[in-house]
Amino acid sequence: MLASIVYIVGLIAAIWCVIDIFKKPKLSLLWKVVLSIAVLATSWIGLVVYYFFVRDKI
């Protein structure tokens, strides 16, 4: 049960992250797709890296 909740929260956070990536006007479409795939493929690790290190730099 707890694993399902963690999975759903992670999925919602990943979708939020992908939406945030596609709202960035500076990035080309290729980089948006690459970042989105990386975040979705690495789940929680990708979310943490994007939120704390990448988000403010792009």
N, C-alpha and C. Protein backbone atom coordinates (compact mmCIF):
# COMPACT_ATOMS: atom_id res chain seq x y z
N MET A 1 0.82 -1.19 0.00
CA MET A 1 0.00 0.00 0.00
C MET A 1 0.87 1.26 0.00
N LEU A 2 1.85 1.30 0.89
CA LEU A 2 2.73 2.46 0.97
C LEU A 2 3.53 2.63 -0.31
N ALA A 3 3.96 1.52 -0.89
CA ALA A 3 4.72 1.59 -2.14
C ALA A 3 3.87 2.17 -3.26
N SER A 4 2.59 1.86 -3.28
CA SER A 4 1.69 2.40 -4.30
C SER A 4 1.54 3.90 -4.14
N ILE A 5 1.44 4.36 -2.92
CA ILE A 5 1.31 5.80 -2.66
C ILE A 5 2.57 6.53 -3.08
N VAL A 6 3.72 5.98 -2.73
CA VAL A 6 5.00 6.59 -3.12
C VAL A 6 5.13 6.63 -4.64
N TYR A 7 4.71 5.56 -5.31
CA TYR A 7 4.76 5.50 -6.77
C TYR A 7 3.85 6.56 -7.40
N ILE A 8 2.64 6.70 -6.90
CA ILE A 8 1.70 7.67 -7.45
C ILE A 8 2.18 9.10 -7.21
N VAL A 9 2.70 9.38 -6.03
CA VAL A 9 3.26 10.72 -5.75
C VAL A 9 4.44 10.99 -6.67
N GLY A 10 5.29 10.02 -6.89
CA GLY A 10 6.43 10.19 -7.79
C GLY A 10 5.99 10.42 -9.23
N LEU A 11 4.96 9.73 -9.65
CA LEU A 11 4.44 9.90 -11.00
C LEU A 11 3.84 11.29 -11.19
N ILE A 12 3.10 11.75 -10.21
CA ILE A 12 2.52 13.10 -10.28
C ILE A 12 3.62 14.15 -10.29
N ALA A 13 4.64 13.97 -9.47
CA ALA A 13 5.76 14.92 -9.43
C ALA A 13 6.53 14.90 -10.75
N ALA A 14 6.69 13.74 -11.35
CA ALA A 14 7.39 13.65 -12.64
C ALA A 14 6.59 14.34 -13.74
N ILE A 15 5.29 14.18 -13.74
CA ILE A 15 4.46 14.85 -14.74
C ILE A 15 4.53 16.36 -14.54
N TRP A 16 4.51 16.82 -13.29
CA TRP A 16 4.66 18.25 -13.01
C TRP A 16 6.00 18.77 -13.54
N CYS A 17 7.03 17.98 -13.35
CA CYS A 17 8.38 18.35 -13.79
C CYS A 17 8.43 18.45 -15.32
N VAL A 18 7.83 17.50 -16.01
CA VAL A 18 7.82 17.52 -17.48
C VAL A 18 7.05 18.74 -17.98
N ILE A 19 5.93 19.05 -17.36
CA ILE A 19 5.17 20.25 -17.75
C ILE A 19 6.01 21.49 -17.53
N ASP A 20 6.74 21.55 -16.43
CA ASP A 20 7.62 22.69 -16.15
C ASP A 20 8.73 22.80 -17.19
N ILE A 21 9.27 21.68 -17.62
CA ILE A 21 10.32 21.68 -18.64
C ILE A 21 9.79 22.24 -19.96
N PHE A 22 8.60 21.83 -20.35
CA PHE A 22 8.05 22.28 -21.63
C PHE A 22 7.57 23.72 -21.59
N LYS A 23 7.47 24.34 -20.42
CA LYS A 23 7.12 25.75 -20.31
C LYS A 23 8.33 26.66 -20.48
N LYS A 24 9.53 26.10 -20.43
CA LYS A 24 10.75 26.92 -20.53
C LYS A 24 10.95 27.37 -21.98
N PRO A 25 10.95 28.68 -22.24
CA PRO A 25 11.08 29.14 -23.63
C PRO A 25 12.52 29.10 -24.16
N LYS A 26 13.51 29.05 -23.28
CA LYS A 26 14.91 29.09 -23.73
C LYS A 26 15.38 27.79 -24.37
N LEU A 27 14.77 26.68 -24.00
CA LEU A 27 15.24 25.38 -24.47
C LEU A 27 14.66 25.02 -25.84
N SER A 28 15.47 24.35 -26.62
CA SER A 28 14.97 23.83 -27.89
C SER A 28 14.13 22.59 -27.62
N LEU A 29 13.37 22.19 -28.60
CA LEU A 29 12.49 21.04 -28.45
C LEU A 29 13.29 19.77 -28.15
N LEU A 30 14.43 19.63 -28.78
CA LEU A 30 15.27 18.44 -28.54
C LEU A 30 15.68 18.34 -27.08
N TRP A 31 16.14 19.44 -26.49
CA TRP A 31 16.56 19.41 -25.09
C TRP A 31 15.38 19.18 -24.16
N LYS A 32 14.22 19.72 -24.52
CA LYS A 32 13.03 19.49 -23.70
C LYS A 32 12.68 18.00 -23.67
N VAL A 33 12.76 17.36 -24.83
CA VAL A 33 12.45 15.93 -24.90
C VAL A 33 13.49 15.12 -24.15
N VAL A 34 14.77 15.45 -24.31
CA VAL A 34 15.84 14.72 -23.62
C VAL A 34 15.70 14.86 -22.10
N LEU A 35 15.47 16.07 -21.62
CA LEU A 35 15.29 16.27 -20.18
C LEU A 35 14.06 15.54 -19.66
N SER A 36 13.00 15.58 -20.41
CA SER A 36 11.77 14.90 -19.99
C SER A 36 11.97 13.40 -19.88
N ILE A 37 12.62 12.82 -20.86
CA ILE A 37 12.89 11.37 -20.83
C ILE A 37 13.80 11.03 -19.65
N ALA A 38 14.80 11.87 -19.41
CA ALA A 38 15.71 11.61 -18.29
C ALA A 38 14.98 11.67 -16.96
N VAL A 39 14.11 12.64 -16.79
CA VAL A 39 13.37 12.75 -15.53
C VAL A 39 12.42 11.57 -15.36
N LEU A 40 11.71 11.22 -16.42
CA LEU A 40 10.77 10.11 -16.32
C LEU A 40 11.48 8.77 -16.12
N ALA A 41 12.65 8.60 -16.70
CA ALA A 41 13.37 7.33 -16.60
C ALA A 41 14.02 7.14 -15.23
N THR A 42 14.42 8.23 -14.60
CA THR A 42 15.13 8.11 -13.32
C THR A 42 14.25 8.39 -12.11
N SER A 43 13.01 8.71 -12.33
CA SER A 43 12.00 8.90 -11.29
C SER A 43 12.46 9.87 -10.20
N TRP A 44 12.56 9.41 -8.96
CA TRP A 44 12.85 10.30 -7.84
C TRP A 44 14.20 10.98 -7.94
N ILE A 45 15.20 10.26 -8.40
CA ILE A 45 16.54 10.86 -8.54
C ILE A 45 16.51 11.98 -9.57
N GLY A 46 15.86 11.75 -10.68
CA GLY A 46 15.74 12.77 -11.72
C GLY A 46 14.97 13.98 -11.24
N LEU A 47 13.94 13.75 -10.45
CA LEU A 47 13.17 14.87 -9.90
C LEU A 47 14.01 15.73 -8.97
N VAL A 48 14.77 15.09 -8.10
CA VAL A 48 15.61 15.83 -7.16
C VAL A 48 16.68 16.62 -7.90
N VAL A 49 17.34 15.99 -8.85
CA VAL A 49 18.38 16.67 -9.62
C VAL A 49 17.79 17.84 -10.40
N TYR A 50 16.67 17.62 -11.05
CA TYR A 50 16.05 18.71 -11.81
C TYR A 50 15.64 19.84 -10.89
N TYR A 51 14.96 19.54 -9.81
CA TYR A 51 14.42 20.59 -8.94
C TYR A 51 15.51 21.41 -8.26
N PHE A 52 16.57 20.77 -7.78
CA PHE A 52 17.57 21.49 -7.01
C PHE A 52 18.74 22.02 -7.84
N PHE A 53 19.03 21.41 -8.99
CA PHE A 53 20.23 21.81 -9.72
C PHE A 53 19.95 22.41 -11.10
N VAL A 54 18.97 21.89 -11.81
CA VAL A 54 18.77 22.28 -13.19
C VAL A 54 17.71 23.35 -13.36
N ARG A 55 16.69 23.32 -12.56
CA ARG A 55 15.51 24.18 -12.73
C ARG A 55 15.85 25.65 -12.82
N ASP A 56 16.69 26.15 -11.95
CA ASP A 56 17.00 27.57 -11.93
C ASP A 56 18.01 27.99 -13.00
N LYS A 57 18.71 27.03 -13.57
CA LYS A 57 19.74 27.35 -14.56
C LYS A 57 19.22 27.40 -15.98
N ILE A 58 18.02 26.90 -16.21
CA ILE A 58 17.46 26.94 -17.57
C ILE A 58 16.29 27.87 -17.65
